[in-house]
Amino acid sequence: MHDNQPRTSTPDALPEVITRYLKAHRAHDTATAITAFTSEATVIDDGNTYEGTDAIGEWLDRSATEFNYTIHLTGAQRTDPTRYIATHHLEGNFPGGAIDLRYQFTLRDGLIERLVIAP
């Protein structure tokens, strides 16, 4: 298989920086989660764009308190050497009650440069 073709991975094969972010996000540990991002990183979630670590930190704090939910990593894929997709199943008190989301990560210099969260 060529190095730039998509590969399905086990969740434990995700890069450390992604697992650090995911674990901290689940634990509502914004201080640790933010260390996974470059200073000029971008997060796109629910139609909103957050640029830079200050805006991302505010988004993380707000998302930790807005709804109560469980999150389970259901799959992982490396799409090229710097891009990964982690698929999650969420259930909680948000509209609809359950959703599968794709967390699409782009890495640069060992950190998250871009994260797009979408169904």
N, C-alpha and C. Protein backbone atom coordinates (compact mmCIF):
# COMPACT_ATOMS: atom_id res chain seq x y z
N MET A 1 0.85 -1.17 0.00
CA MET A 1 0.00 0.00 0.00
C MET A 1 0.90 1.24 0.00
N HIS A 2 0.58 2.20 -0.82
CA HIS A 2 1.34 3.43 -0.86
C HIS A 2 1.08 4.24 0.39
N ASP A 3 2.07 5.05 0.81
CA ASP A 3 1.98 5.78 2.06
C ASP A 3 0.89 6.84 2.07
N ASN A 4 0.41 7.28 0.91
CA ASN A 4 -0.60 8.33 0.89
C ASN A 4 -2.00 7.81 0.60
N GLN A 5 -2.23 6.52 0.75
CA GLN A 5 -3.56 5.96 0.59
C GLN A 5 -4.20 5.79 1.96
N PRO A 6 -5.54 5.95 2.05
CA PRO A 6 -6.22 5.81 3.33
C PRO A 6 -5.98 4.43 3.94
N ARG A 7 -5.83 4.41 5.25
CA ARG A 7 -5.66 3.17 5.98
C ARG A 7 -6.55 3.19 7.20
N THR A 8 -7.25 2.10 7.43
CA THR A 8 -8.01 1.97 8.66
C THR A 8 -7.03 1.59 9.76
N SER A 9 -7.17 2.26 10.88
CA SER A 9 -6.28 2.04 12.02
C SER A 9 -7.11 1.66 13.22
N THR A 10 -6.47 1.02 14.16
CA THR A 10 -7.14 0.84 15.44
C THR A 10 -7.01 2.15 16.20
N PRO A 11 -7.96 2.46 17.05
CA PRO A 11 -7.89 3.72 17.79
C PRO A 11 -6.59 3.91 18.55
N ASP A 12 -5.99 2.82 19.04
CA ASP A 12 -4.74 2.97 19.77
C ASP A 12 -3.55 3.25 18.85
N ALA A 13 -3.76 3.23 17.54
CA ALA A 13 -2.69 3.56 16.58
C ALA A 13 -2.70 5.03 16.19
N LEU A 14 -3.63 5.82 16.75
CA LEU A 14 -3.63 7.25 16.47
C LEU A 14 -2.38 7.88 17.07
N PRO A 15 -1.88 8.96 16.46
CA PRO A 15 -0.72 9.64 17.04
C PRO A 15 -0.98 10.11 18.47
N GLU A 16 0.07 10.19 19.25
CA GLU A 16 -0.04 10.58 20.66
C GLU A 16 -0.76 11.89 20.83
N VAL A 17 -0.48 12.87 19.97
CA VAL A 17 -1.08 14.19 20.13
C VAL A 17 -2.60 14.13 19.98
N ILE A 18 -3.10 13.27 19.11
CA ILE A 18 -4.55 13.13 18.95
C ILE A 18 -5.14 12.43 20.16
N THR A 19 -4.52 11.36 20.62
CA THR A 19 -5.07 10.66 21.79
C THR A 19 -5.00 11.55 23.03
N ARG A 20 -3.96 12.37 23.15
CA ARG A 20 -3.86 13.31 24.27
C ARG A 20 -5.03 14.30 24.24
N TYR A 21 -5.29 14.86 23.05
CA TYR A 21 -6.41 15.79 22.91
C TYR A 21 -7.73 15.09 23.24
N LEU A 22 -7.98 13.92 22.64
CA LEU A 22 -9.26 13.23 22.84
C LEU A 22 -9.48 12.88 24.32
N LYS A 23 -8.44 12.38 24.97
CA LYS A 23 -8.56 12.02 26.38
C LYS A 23 -8.83 13.26 27.23
N ALA A 24 -8.12 14.34 26.98
CA ALA A 24 -8.32 15.58 27.74
C ALA A 24 -9.70 16.17 27.47
N HIS A 25 -10.14 16.12 26.22
CA HIS A 25 -11.47 16.65 25.87
C HIS A 25 -12.56 15.88 26.62
N ARG A 26 -12.46 14.56 26.63
CA ARG A 26 -13.45 13.73 27.36
C ARG A 26 -13.44 14.04 28.85
N ALA A 27 -12.28 14.37 29.40
CA ALA A 27 -12.15 14.66 30.83
C ALA A 27 -12.44 16.13 31.15
N HIS A 28 -12.79 16.92 30.14
CA HIS A 28 -13.04 18.37 30.31
C HIS A 28 -11.80 19.07 30.87
N ASP A 29 -10.62 18.62 30.43
CA ASP A 29 -9.33 19.18 30.85
C ASP A 29 -8.82 20.10 29.73
N THR A 30 -9.33 21.33 29.72
CA THR A 30 -8.98 22.28 28.67
C THR A 30 -7.49 22.58 28.64
N ALA A 31 -6.87 22.72 29.80
CA ALA A 31 -5.45 23.06 29.86
C ALA A 31 -4.59 22.03 29.14
N THR A 32 -4.90 20.75 29.31
CA THR A 32 -4.15 19.70 28.62
C THR A 32 -4.56 19.63 27.16
N ALA A 33 -5.85 19.71 26.87
CA ALA A 33 -6.32 19.62 25.48
C ALA A 33 -5.67 20.68 24.61
N ILE A 34 -5.55 21.88 25.10
CA ILE A 34 -5.04 22.99 24.30
C ILE A 34 -3.56 22.78 23.95
N THR A 35 -2.84 21.99 24.73
CA THR A 35 -1.42 21.74 24.43
C THR A 35 -1.23 20.91 23.17
N ALA A 36 -2.31 20.30 22.67
CA ALA A 36 -2.22 19.47 21.48
C ALA A 36 -2.27 20.30 20.19
N PHE A 37 -2.58 21.60 20.29
CA PHE A 37 -2.79 22.45 19.11
C PHE A 37 -1.61 23.38 18.86
N THR A 38 -1.37 23.69 17.57
CA THR A 38 -0.42 24.76 17.23
C THR A 38 -1.03 26.08 17.68
N SER A 39 -0.23 27.11 17.83
CA SER A 39 -0.74 28.40 18.31
C SER A 39 -1.72 29.04 17.33
N GLU A 40 -1.60 28.70 16.05
CA GLU A 40 -2.51 29.28 15.05
C GLU A 40 -3.51 28.25 14.51
N ALA A 41 -3.79 27.22 15.29
CA ALA A 41 -4.70 26.15 14.87
C ALA A 41 -6.11 26.68 14.63
N THR A 42 -6.86 25.89 13.85
CA THR A 42 -8.25 26.19 13.55
C THR A 42 -9.10 24.98 13.90
N VAL A 43 -10.24 25.23 14.54
CA VAL A 43 -11.24 24.19 14.81
C VAL A 43 -12.54 24.64 14.17
N ILE A 44 -13.17 23.73 13.44
CA ILE A 44 -14.48 23.99 12.86
C ILE A 44 -15.43 22.96 13.45
N ASP A 45 -16.46 23.47 14.14
CA ASP A 45 -17.43 22.60 14.80
C ASP A 45 -18.80 23.24 14.74
N ASP A 46 -19.79 22.48 14.33
CA ASP A 46 -21.18 22.91 14.31
C ASP A 46 -21.37 24.23 13.55
N GLY A 47 -20.63 24.38 12.44
CA GLY A 47 -20.75 25.56 11.60
C GLY A 47 -19.99 26.77 12.08
N ASN A 48 -19.26 26.64 13.18
CA ASN A 48 -18.48 27.76 13.72
C ASN A 48 -16.99 27.49 13.58
N THR A 49 -16.21 28.56 13.36
CA THR A 49 -14.77 28.45 13.22
C THR A 49 -14.10 29.14 14.40
N TYR A 50 -13.13 28.46 15.00
CA TYR A 50 -12.37 28.98 16.13
C TYR A 50 -10.91 28.99 15.72
N GLU A 51 -10.29 30.15 15.74
CA GLU A 51 -8.89 30.29 15.30
C GLU A 51 -8.01 30.73 16.45
N GLY A 52 -6.91 30.01 16.63
CA GLY A 52 -5.96 30.32 17.69
C GLY A 52 -6.34 29.62 18.99
N THR A 53 -5.35 29.45 19.85
CA THR A 53 -5.56 28.67 21.07
C THR A 53 -6.50 29.36 22.06
N ASP A 54 -6.56 30.69 22.09
CA ASP A 54 -7.50 31.35 23.00
C ASP A 54 -8.94 31.02 22.62
N ALA A 55 -9.26 31.15 21.33
CA ALA A 55 -10.63 30.84 20.86
C ALA A 55 -10.93 29.36 21.02
N ILE A 56 -9.96 28.51 20.76
CA ILE A 56 -10.16 27.06 20.90
C ILE A 56 -10.39 26.72 22.37
N GLY A 57 -9.65 27.34 23.28
CA GLY A 57 -9.86 27.11 24.71
C GLY A 57 -11.25 27.51 25.15
N GLU A 58 -11.74 28.65 24.67
CA GLU A 58 -13.10 29.08 25.00
C GLU A 58 -14.13 28.08 24.46
N TRP A 59 -13.91 27.59 23.23
CA TRP A 59 -14.81 26.59 22.65
C TRP A 59 -14.79 25.32 23.49
N LEU A 60 -13.62 24.87 23.91
CA LEU A 60 -13.52 23.66 24.72
C LEU A 60 -14.26 23.83 26.04
N ASP A 61 -14.07 24.98 26.70
CA ASP A 61 -14.75 25.23 27.97
C ASP A 61 -16.27 25.23 27.79
N ARG A 62 -16.74 25.88 26.74
CA ARG A 62 -18.18 25.96 26.49
C ARG A 62 -18.75 24.58 26.14
N SER A 63 -18.07 23.83 25.30
CA SER A 63 -18.58 22.51 24.90
C SER A 63 -18.61 21.54 26.07
N ALA A 64 -17.76 21.77 27.07
CA ALA A 64 -17.73 20.89 28.24
C ALA A 64 -18.94 21.09 29.14
N THR A 65 -19.59 22.26 29.05
CA THR A 65 -20.70 22.56 29.96
C THR A 65 -22.05 22.70 29.26
N GLU A 66 -22.05 22.78 27.94
CA GLU A 66 -23.29 23.03 27.21
C GLU A 66 -24.27 21.86 27.29
N PHE A 67 -23.78 20.63 27.14
CA PHE A 67 -24.62 19.44 27.19
C PHE A 67 -23.91 18.36 28.00
N ASN A 68 -24.69 17.40 28.47
CA ASN A 68 -24.13 16.20 29.09
C ASN A 68 -24.22 15.09 28.06
N TYR A 69 -23.11 14.38 27.84
CA TYR A 69 -23.11 13.33 26.84
C TYR A 69 -22.00 12.34 27.11
N THR A 70 -22.16 11.16 26.53
CA THR A 70 -21.08 10.17 26.52
C THR A 70 -20.50 10.16 25.11
N ILE A 71 -19.23 9.84 25.04
CA ILE A 71 -18.55 9.80 23.74
C ILE A 71 -17.71 8.53 23.68
N HIS A 72 -17.86 7.81 22.57
CA HIS A 72 -17.11 6.56 22.37
C HIS A 72 -16.43 6.60 21.02
N LEU A 73 -15.13 6.37 21.03
CA LEU A 73 -14.36 6.27 19.79
C LEU A 73 -14.71 4.95 19.12
N THR A 74 -15.23 5.03 17.90
CA THR A 74 -15.68 3.83 17.21
C THR A 74 -14.79 3.43 16.03
N GLY A 75 -13.90 4.33 15.61
CA GLY A 75 -13.03 3.98 14.50
C GLY A 75 -11.97 5.04 14.29
N ALA A 76 -10.94 4.66 13.56
CA ALA A 76 -9.84 5.58 13.26
C ALA A 76 -9.28 5.26 11.89
N GLN A 77 -8.84 6.29 11.20
CA GLN A 77 -8.27 6.11 9.86
C GLN A 77 -7.20 7.16 9.63
N ARG A 78 -6.09 6.73 9.04
CA ARG A 78 -5.09 7.67 8.57
C ARG A 78 -5.34 7.86 7.09
N THR A 79 -5.60 9.11 6.66
CA THR A 79 -5.89 9.35 5.25
C THR A 79 -4.66 9.75 4.46
N ASP A 80 -3.66 10.28 5.11
CA ASP A 80 -2.34 10.52 4.53
C ASP A 80 -1.38 10.75 5.70
N PRO A 81 -0.10 11.01 5.46
CA PRO A 81 0.84 11.10 6.58
C PRO A 81 0.53 12.18 7.63
N THR A 82 -0.28 13.19 7.30
CA THR A 82 -0.58 14.24 8.27
C THR A 82 -2.07 14.35 8.60
N ARG A 83 -2.89 13.48 8.07
CA ARG A 83 -4.34 13.59 8.28
C ARG A 83 -4.91 12.28 8.83
N TYR A 84 -5.75 12.45 9.83
CA TYR A 84 -6.39 11.32 10.50
C TYR A 84 -7.86 11.64 10.73
N ILE A 85 -8.68 10.59 10.75
CA ILE A 85 -10.10 10.73 11.08
C ILE A 85 -10.39 9.80 12.25
N ALA A 86 -10.97 10.36 13.31
CA ALA A 86 -11.42 9.57 14.45
C ALA A 86 -12.93 9.69 14.50
N THR A 87 -13.62 8.57 14.40
CA THR A 87 -15.09 8.57 14.40
C THR A 87 -15.58 8.27 15.81
N HIS A 88 -16.54 9.10 16.25
CA HIS A 88 -17.08 8.98 17.60
C HIS A 88 -18.59 8.85 17.56
N HIS A 89 -19.12 8.12 18.53
CA HIS A 89 -20.56 8.05 18.73
C HIS A 89 -20.86 8.79 20.03
N LEU A 90 -21.75 9.79 19.94
CA LEU A 90 -22.14 10.59 21.10
C LEU A 90 -23.60 10.34 21.41
N GLU A 91 -23.92 10.23 22.70
CA GLU A 91 -25.29 10.16 23.18
C GLU A 91 -25.42 11.09 24.36
N GLY A 92 -26.52 11.89 24.36
CA GLY A 92 -26.69 12.81 25.47
C GLY A 92 -27.95 13.63 25.36
N ASN A 93 -27.96 14.78 26.07
CA ASN A 93 -29.14 15.62 26.13
C ASN A 93 -29.11 16.77 25.12
N PHE A 94 -28.40 16.59 24.04
CA PHE A 94 -28.37 17.57 22.95
C PHE A 94 -29.49 17.24 21.97
N PRO A 95 -29.85 18.19 21.10
CA PRO A 95 -30.92 17.91 20.13
C PRO A 95 -30.63 16.64 19.31
N GLY A 96 -31.59 15.76 19.25
CA GLY A 96 -31.43 14.49 18.53
C GLY A 96 -30.99 13.34 19.42
N GLY A 97 -30.25 13.63 20.48
CA GLY A 97 -29.89 12.64 21.48
C GLY A 97 -28.75 11.70 21.14
N ALA A 98 -28.46 11.50 19.85
CA ALA A 98 -27.36 10.61 19.45
C ALA A 98 -26.86 11.04 18.08
N ILE A 99 -25.54 10.92 17.89
CA ILE A 99 -24.95 11.29 16.61
C ILE A 99 -23.59 10.62 16.47
N ASP A 100 -23.23 10.33 15.24
CA ASP A 100 -21.88 9.87 14.92
C ASP A 100 -21.14 11.04 14.28
N LEU A 101 -19.98 11.38 14.82
CA LEU A 101 -19.21 12.51 14.32
C LEU A 101 -17.83 12.06 13.88
N ARG A 102 -17.35 12.69 12.82
CA ARG A 102 -15.99 12.46 12.32
C ARG A 102 -15.13 13.64 12.75
N TYR A 103 -14.10 13.36 13.51
CA TYR A 103 -13.11 14.36 13.91
C TYR A 103 -11.96 14.23 12.91
N GLN A 104 -11.85 15.22 12.04
CA GLN A 104 -10.84 15.19 10.98
C GLN A 104 -9.66 16.07 11.40
N PHE A 105 -8.53 15.43 11.67
CA PHE A 105 -7.34 16.10 12.17
C PHE A 105 -6.31 16.30 11.06
N THR A 106 -5.70 17.48 11.05
CA THR A 106 -4.53 17.73 10.22
C THR A 106 -3.41 18.11 11.18
N LEU A 107 -2.27 17.43 11.07
CA LEU A 107 -1.14 17.66 11.96
C LEU A 107 -0.04 18.45 11.26
N ARG A 108 0.69 19.23 12.05
CA ARG A 108 1.88 19.92 11.57
C ARG A 108 2.87 19.98 12.72
N ASP A 109 4.08 19.54 12.46
CA ASP A 109 5.14 19.56 13.46
C ASP A 109 4.72 18.88 14.76
N GLY A 110 3.99 17.77 14.65
CA GLY A 110 3.61 16.99 15.81
C GLY A 110 2.45 17.54 16.62
N LEU A 111 1.78 18.58 16.11
CA LEU A 111 0.63 19.16 16.80
C LEU A 111 -0.57 19.24 15.86
N ILE A 112 -1.73 19.48 16.41
CA ILE A 112 -2.95 19.61 15.61
C ILE A 112 -3.00 21.02 15.03
N GLU A 113 -3.02 21.11 13.71
CA GLU A 113 -3.11 22.39 13.03
C GLU A 113 -4.55 22.72 12.68
N ARG A 114 -5.35 21.68 12.42
CA ARG A 114 -6.74 21.87 12.01
C ARG A 114 -7.57 20.69 12.49
N LEU A 115 -8.75 20.99 13.00
CA LEU A 115 -9.69 19.97 13.42
C LEU A 115 -11.06 20.36 12.89
N VAL A 116 -11.66 19.48 12.11
CA VAL A 116 -13.01 19.69 11.60
C VAL A 116 -13.88 18.58 12.17
N ILE A 117 -14.96 18.97 12.87
CA ILE A 117 -15.88 18.01 13.47
C ILE A 117 -17.19 18.10 12.70
N ALA A 118 -17.60 16.98 12.11
CA ALA A 118 -18.81 16.99 11.29
C ALA A 118 -19.41 15.59 11.25
N PRO A 119 -20.73 15.51 10.99
CA PRO A 119 -21.37 14.18 10.85
C PRO A 119 -20.80 13.42 9.66
